[in-house]
């Protein structure tokens, strides 16, 4: 997930984008070493996850478009409408990249977690 030799290895990006342009941009950053955290709505996740099932897309078993534009990313489900979401986004922004390997951090700072990793 993280390329220590990449030009953006010190960069942490919290990605709220969906569909093609935003995820593609953050994927390029991750390709060059950035730590990218993809924030998705709970339940179904990013709607682009299901895009391959719609016509006129070719019938396939896997969503190749999703895999291309979301590789090298960590993902978290977060209800942005929940009151706790603002605090959790602040935690995501503040926590150094090296501590992001401990998803429990998001749970321990809040009584009622609004996310899962």
N, C-alpha and C. Protein backbone atom coordinates (compact mmCIF):
# COMPACT_ATOMS: atom_id res chain seq x y z
N UNK A 1 0.79 -1.19 0.00
CA UNK A 1 0.00 0.00 0.00
C UNK A 1 0.84 1.26 0.00
N UNK A 2 2.02 1.21 0.58
CA UNK A 2 2.82 2.41 0.67
C UNK A 2 4.20 2.14 0.13
N UNK A 3 4.62 2.97 -0.77
CA UNK A 3 5.93 2.85 -1.38
C UNK A 3 6.86 3.83 -0.68
N UNK A 4 7.75 3.33 0.18
CA UNK A 4 8.63 4.19 0.96
C UNK A 4 9.58 5.00 0.08
N UNK A 5 9.82 4.56 -1.13
CA UNK A 5 10.73 5.23 -2.04
C UNK A 5 10.03 6.26 -2.92
N UNK A 6 8.70 6.33 -2.89
CA UNK A 6 7.96 7.21 -3.78
C UNK A 6 8.13 8.68 -3.44
N UNK A 7 7.95 9.51 -4.45
CA UNK A 7 8.10 10.95 -4.28
C UNK A 7 7.07 11.52 -3.30
N UNK A 8 5.91 10.88 -3.18
CA UNK A 8 4.86 11.35 -2.27
C UNK A 8 4.74 10.48 -1.02
N UNK A 9 5.83 9.82 -0.62
CA UNK A 9 5.75 8.89 0.51
C UNK A 9 5.41 9.59 1.82
N UNK A 10 5.57 10.91 1.93
CA UNK A 10 5.20 11.64 3.15
C UNK A 10 3.76 12.14 3.11
N UNK A 11 3.09 11.95 1.99
CA UNK A 11 1.77 12.53 1.79
C UNK A 11 0.67 11.57 2.22
N UNK A 12 -0.32 12.10 2.95
CA UNK A 12 -1.50 11.33 3.31
C UNK A 12 -2.69 12.03 2.66
N UNK A 13 -3.53 11.27 1.95
CA UNK A 13 -4.69 11.81 1.26
C UNK A 13 -5.93 11.10 1.77
N UNK A 14 -6.94 11.88 2.16
CA UNK A 14 -8.24 11.31 2.52
C UNK A 14 -9.14 11.55 1.32
N UNK A 15 -9.54 10.47 0.67
CA UNK A 15 -10.24 10.50 -0.61
C UNK A 15 -11.75 10.33 -0.42
N UNK A 16 -12.51 11.38 -0.70
CA UNK A 16 -13.97 11.33 -0.62
C UNK A 16 -14.60 11.23 -2.01
N UNK A 17 -13.79 11.12 -3.04
CA UNK A 17 -14.28 11.16 -4.42
C UNK A 17 -14.94 9.85 -4.83
N UNK A 18 -15.76 9.95 -5.87
CA UNK A 18 -16.41 8.78 -6.43
C UNK A 18 -16.36 8.89 -7.94
N UNK A 19 -16.50 7.78 -8.57
CA UNK A 19 -16.42 7.64 -10.03
C UNK A 19 -15.02 7.94 -10.52
N UNK A 20 -14.83 8.46 -11.67
CA UNK A 20 -13.56 8.30 -12.36
C UNK A 20 -12.48 9.33 -12.02
N UNK A 21 -12.72 10.60 -12.17
CA UNK A 21 -11.66 11.60 -12.10
C UNK A 21 -10.98 11.67 -10.73
N UNK A 22 -11.76 11.81 -9.66
CA UNK A 22 -11.17 11.91 -8.32
C UNK A 22 -10.40 10.66 -7.92
N UNK A 23 -11.03 9.48 -8.03
CA UNK A 23 -10.29 8.27 -7.68
C UNK A 23 -9.05 8.05 -8.55
N UNK A 24 -9.12 8.42 -9.82
CA UNK A 24 -7.95 8.26 -10.70
C UNK A 24 -6.81 9.16 -10.22
N UNK A 25 -7.13 10.38 -9.82
CA UNK A 25 -6.10 11.31 -9.34
C UNK A 25 -5.44 10.79 -8.07
N UNK A 26 -6.26 10.29 -7.13
CA UNK A 26 -5.67 9.79 -5.89
C UNK A 26 -4.93 8.48 -6.10
N UNK A 27 -5.33 7.71 -7.11
CA UNK A 27 -4.59 6.49 -7.44
C UNK A 27 -3.19 6.83 -7.94
N UNK A 28 -3.09 7.86 -8.75
CA UNK A 28 -1.76 8.29 -9.23
C UNK A 28 -0.89 8.72 -8.05
N UNK A 29 -1.48 9.45 -7.11
CA UNK A 29 -0.72 9.83 -5.92
C UNK A 29 -0.26 8.59 -5.16
N UNK A 30 -1.14 7.59 -5.04
CA UNK A 30 -0.75 6.36 -4.33
C UNK A 30 0.32 5.59 -5.09
N UNK A 31 0.26 5.63 -6.42
CA UNK A 31 1.28 4.96 -7.21
C UNK A 31 2.67 5.54 -6.94
N UNK A 32 2.71 6.81 -6.57
CA UNK A 32 3.98 7.47 -6.28
C UNK A 32 4.26 7.56 -4.79
N UNK A 33 3.59 6.72 -3.99
CA UNK A 33 3.95 6.56 -2.59
C UNK A 33 3.02 7.14 -1.56
N UNK A 34 2.03 7.94 -1.95
CA UNK A 34 1.14 8.55 -0.97
C UNK A 34 0.29 7.47 -0.28
N UNK A 35 -0.05 7.71 0.98
CA UNK A 35 -1.00 6.88 1.69
C UNK A 35 -2.37 7.46 1.41
N UNK A 36 -3.25 6.70 0.78
CA UNK A 36 -4.58 7.18 0.42
C UNK A 36 -5.62 6.38 1.19
N UNK A 37 -6.50 7.11 1.86
CA UNK A 37 -7.59 6.50 2.61
C UNK A 37 -8.89 6.84 1.89
N UNK A 38 -9.52 5.85 1.32
CA UNK A 38 -10.78 6.01 0.58
C UNK A 38 -11.93 5.95 1.57
N UNK A 39 -12.73 7.02 1.64
CA UNK A 39 -13.89 7.06 2.52
C UNK A 39 -15.13 6.73 1.70
N UNK A 40 -15.86 5.71 2.15
CA UNK A 40 -17.05 5.25 1.43
C UNK A 40 -18.24 5.23 2.38
N UNK A 41 -19.45 5.37 1.84
CA UNK A 41 -20.63 5.26 2.70
C UNK A 41 -20.81 3.83 3.20
N UNK A 42 -21.32 3.66 4.42
CA UNK A 42 -21.52 2.31 4.94
C UNK A 42 -22.61 1.57 4.16
N UNK A 43 -22.55 0.27 4.24
CA UNK A 43 -23.56 -0.55 3.54
C UNK A 43 -23.08 -0.96 2.17
N UNK A 44 -23.42 -0.20 1.16
CA UNK A 44 -23.09 -0.57 -0.23
C UNK A 44 -21.72 -0.07 -0.66
N UNK A 45 -21.15 0.88 0.04
CA UNK A 45 -19.86 1.43 -0.35
C UNK A 45 -20.00 2.44 -1.48
N UNK A 46 -18.90 2.74 -2.11
CA UNK A 46 -18.88 3.68 -3.23
C UNK A 46 -19.75 3.14 -4.36
N UNK A 47 -20.65 3.95 -4.92
CA UNK A 47 -21.51 3.46 -6.00
C UNK A 47 -20.72 2.93 -7.20
N UNK A 48 -19.50 3.42 -7.39
CA UNK A 48 -18.69 2.97 -8.52
C UNK A 48 -18.31 1.49 -8.39
N UNK A 49 -18.38 0.94 -7.19
CA UNK A 49 -18.13 -0.49 -7.00
C UNK A 49 -19.10 -1.34 -7.82
N UNK A 50 -20.29 -0.82 -8.07
CA UNK A 50 -21.34 -1.58 -8.75
C UNK A 50 -21.55 -1.15 -10.20
N UNK A 51 -20.74 -0.24 -10.67
CA UNK A 51 -20.88 0.32 -12.01
C UNK A 51 -20.78 -0.74 -13.11
N UNK A 52 -19.93 -1.73 -12.91
CA UNK A 52 -19.72 -2.76 -13.94
C UNK A 52 -20.96 -3.59 -14.22
N UNK A 53 -21.93 -3.58 -13.31
CA UNK A 53 -23.15 -4.37 -13.49
C UNK A 53 -24.15 -3.69 -14.42
N UNK A 54 -23.94 -2.42 -14.71
CA UNK A 54 -24.88 -1.67 -15.55
C UNK A 54 -24.56 -1.83 -17.02
N UNK A 55 -25.60 -1.79 -17.84
CA UNK A 55 -25.37 -1.80 -19.28
C UNK A 55 -24.94 -0.40 -19.69
N UNK A 56 -24.17 -0.21 -20.69
CA UNK A 56 -23.66 -1.12 -21.70
C UNK A 56 -22.29 -1.69 -21.38
N UNK A 57 -21.90 -1.74 -20.12
CA UNK A 57 -20.60 -2.30 -19.76
C UNK A 57 -20.55 -3.78 -20.14
N UNK A 58 -19.38 -4.26 -20.54
CA UNK A 58 -19.26 -5.68 -20.88
C UNK A 58 -19.55 -6.54 -19.65
N UNK A 59 -20.14 -7.68 -19.87
CA UNK A 59 -20.42 -8.60 -18.77
C UNK A 59 -19.10 -9.17 -18.28
N UNK A 60 -18.88 -9.06 -16.98
CA UNK A 60 -17.65 -9.60 -16.41
C UNK A 60 -17.88 -9.96 -14.96
N UNK A 61 -16.97 -10.73 -14.43
CA UNK A 61 -17.08 -11.22 -13.07
C UNK A 61 -16.58 -10.20 -12.05
N UNK A 62 -15.62 -9.39 -12.45
CA UNK A 62 -14.98 -8.44 -11.53
C UNK A 62 -15.07 -7.03 -12.11
N UNK A 63 -15.07 -6.06 -11.22
CA UNK A 63 -15.13 -4.67 -11.63
C UNK A 63 -13.71 -4.16 -11.86
N UNK A 64 -13.23 -4.33 -13.06
CA UNK A 64 -11.86 -3.92 -13.40
C UNK A 64 -11.67 -2.41 -13.27
N UNK A 65 -12.69 -1.64 -13.63
CA UNK A 65 -12.59 -0.18 -13.51
C UNK A 65 -12.38 0.23 -12.06
N UNK A 66 -13.12 -0.40 -11.16
CA UNK A 66 -12.98 -0.10 -9.73
C UNK A 66 -11.57 -0.45 -9.27
N UNK A 67 -11.09 -1.61 -9.67
CA UNK A 67 -9.76 -2.05 -9.25
C UNK A 67 -8.67 -1.14 -9.79
N UNK A 68 -8.85 -0.64 -10.99
CA UNK A 68 -7.85 0.27 -11.57
C UNK A 68 -7.79 1.60 -10.84
N UNK A 69 -8.95 2.15 -10.50
CA UNK A 69 -8.97 3.49 -9.91
C UNK A 69 -8.94 3.49 -8.38
N UNK A 70 -8.86 2.33 -7.77
CA UNK A 70 -8.82 2.29 -6.32
C UNK A 70 -7.76 1.36 -5.77
N UNK A 71 -6.79 1.02 -6.58
CA UNK A 71 -5.69 0.18 -6.10
C UNK A 71 -4.81 1.00 -5.15
N UNK A 72 -4.06 0.31 -4.34
CA UNK A 72 -3.11 0.93 -3.41
C UNK A 72 -3.76 1.81 -2.36
N UNK A 73 -5.06 1.64 -2.11
CA UNK A 73 -5.75 2.50 -1.15
C UNK A 73 -6.25 1.69 0.03
N UNK A 74 -6.32 2.35 1.15
CA UNK A 74 -7.01 1.80 2.30
C UNK A 74 -8.44 2.30 2.21
N UNK A 75 -9.36 1.56 2.77
CA UNK A 75 -10.76 1.95 2.67
C UNK A 75 -11.41 1.94 4.03
N UNK A 76 -12.29 2.90 4.24
CA UNK A 76 -13.03 2.97 5.49
C UNK A 76 -14.47 3.36 5.16
N UNK A 77 -15.41 2.72 5.83
CA UNK A 77 -16.82 3.08 5.67
C UNK A 77 -17.17 4.09 6.75
N UNK A 78 -17.72 5.22 6.33
CA UNK A 78 -18.00 6.30 7.26
C UNK A 78 -19.28 7.01 6.83
N UNK A 79 -20.23 7.10 7.74
CA UNK A 79 -21.48 7.81 7.47
C UNK A 79 -21.23 9.30 7.69
N UNK A 80 -21.04 10.04 6.62
CA UNK A 80 -20.71 11.46 6.72
C UNK A 80 -21.86 12.30 7.27
N UNK A 81 -23.05 11.72 7.34
CA UNK A 81 -24.19 12.44 7.90
C UNK A 81 -24.28 12.28 9.42
N UNK A 82 -23.53 11.35 9.96
CA UNK A 82 -23.54 11.11 11.41
C UNK A 82 -22.79 12.24 12.11
N UNK A 83 -23.26 12.64 13.28
CA UNK A 83 -22.59 13.73 14.02
C UNK A 83 -21.12 13.42 14.33
N UNK A 84 -20.80 12.14 14.54
CA UNK A 84 -19.42 11.77 14.88
C UNK A 84 -18.48 11.84 13.69
N UNK A 85 -19.01 11.90 12.50
CA UNK A 85 -18.18 11.83 11.29
C UNK A 85 -17.16 12.97 11.24
N UNK A 86 -17.56 14.15 11.62
CA UNK A 86 -16.63 15.30 11.58
C UNK A 86 -15.42 15.03 12.46
N UNK A 87 -15.65 14.46 13.65
CA UNK A 87 -14.55 14.15 14.55
C UNK A 87 -13.66 13.06 13.97
N UNK A 88 -14.27 12.05 13.36
CA UNK A 88 -13.48 10.96 12.79
C UNK A 88 -12.64 11.42 11.60
N UNK A 89 -13.18 12.32 10.79
CA UNK A 89 -12.40 12.87 9.67
C UNK A 89 -11.22 13.67 10.23
N UNK A 90 -11.45 14.40 11.30
CA UNK A 90 -10.35 15.14 11.93
C UNK A 90 -9.27 14.19 12.43
N UNK A 91 -9.68 13.05 12.99
CA UNK A 91 -8.71 12.04 13.45
C UNK A 91 -7.92 11.51 12.25
N UNK A 92 -8.63 11.20 11.17
CA UNK A 92 -7.94 10.71 9.97
C UNK A 92 -6.91 11.71 9.47
N UNK A 93 -7.25 12.97 9.51
CA UNK A 93 -6.33 14.01 9.03
C UNK A 93 -5.14 14.16 9.97
N UNK A 94 -5.36 14.01 11.27
CA UNK A 94 -4.33 14.30 12.26
C UNK A 94 -3.36 13.14 12.51
N UNK A 95 -3.83 11.92 12.36
CA UNK A 95 -3.01 10.76 12.71
C UNK A 95 -1.90 10.58 11.67
N UNK A 96 -0.66 10.44 12.12
CA UNK A 96 0.43 10.20 11.17
C UNK A 96 0.22 8.89 10.40
N UNK A 97 0.73 8.84 9.20
CA UNK A 97 0.57 7.66 8.34
C UNK A 97 1.03 6.39 9.02
N UNK A 98 2.07 6.46 9.81
CA UNK A 98 2.61 5.26 10.44
C UNK A 98 1.64 4.66 11.45
N UNK A 99 0.75 5.48 12.02
CA UNK A 99 -0.20 4.97 13.00
C UNK A 99 -1.48 4.48 12.36
N UNK A 100 -1.65 4.64 11.07
CA UNK A 100 -2.87 4.22 10.41
C UNK A 100 -2.96 2.70 10.29
N UNK A 101 -1.92 1.99 10.66
CA UNK A 101 -1.98 0.54 10.67
C UNK A 101 -2.77 0.03 11.87
N UNK A 102 -3.20 0.93 12.71
CA UNK A 102 -3.97 0.55 13.89
C UNK A 102 -5.39 1.09 13.76
N UNK A 103 -6.28 0.38 13.05
CA UNK A 103 -7.64 0.89 12.86
C UNK A 103 -8.40 1.05 14.16
N UNK A 104 -7.99 0.38 15.22
CA UNK A 104 -8.68 0.50 16.50
C UNK A 104 -8.63 1.93 17.03
N UNK A 105 -7.67 2.71 16.58
CA UNK A 105 -7.55 4.10 17.00
C UNK A 105 -8.85 4.86 16.74
N UNK A 106 -9.49 4.59 15.63
CA UNK A 106 -10.73 5.28 15.30
C UNK A 106 -11.86 4.89 16.25
N UNK A 107 -11.81 3.68 16.76
CA UNK A 107 -12.85 3.21 17.66
C UNK A 107 -12.64 3.71 19.08
N UNK A 108 -11.42 3.78 19.53
CA UNK A 108 -11.17 4.10 20.92
C UNK A 108 -11.39 5.57 21.25
N UNK A 109 -11.35 6.43 20.29
CA UNK A 109 -11.51 7.84 20.56
C UNK A 109 -12.97 8.27 20.67
N UNK A 110 -13.89 7.40 20.30
CA UNK A 110 -15.30 7.76 20.27
C UNK A 110 -16.12 6.65 20.91
N UNK A 111 -17.16 7.05 21.64
CA UNK A 111 -18.00 6.06 22.31
C UNK A 111 -18.76 5.23 21.31
N UNK A 112 -19.37 5.86 20.31
CA UNK A 112 -20.16 5.13 19.31
C UNK A 112 -19.49 5.29 17.95
N UNK A 113 -18.77 4.28 17.48
CA UNK A 113 -18.07 4.43 16.21
C UNK A 113 -19.04 4.57 15.04
N UNK A 114 -18.69 5.45 14.11
CA UNK A 114 -19.50 5.64 12.90
C UNK A 114 -18.78 5.08 11.69
N UNK A 115 -17.77 4.27 11.95
CA UNK A 115 -17.01 3.74 10.82
C UNK A 115 -16.54 2.33 11.11
N UNK A 116 -16.06 1.70 10.08
CA UNK A 116 -15.39 0.41 10.21
C UNK A 116 -14.27 0.40 9.20
N UNK A 117 -13.24 -0.37 9.48
CA UNK A 117 -12.13 -0.40 8.52
C UNK A 117 -12.08 -1.72 7.81
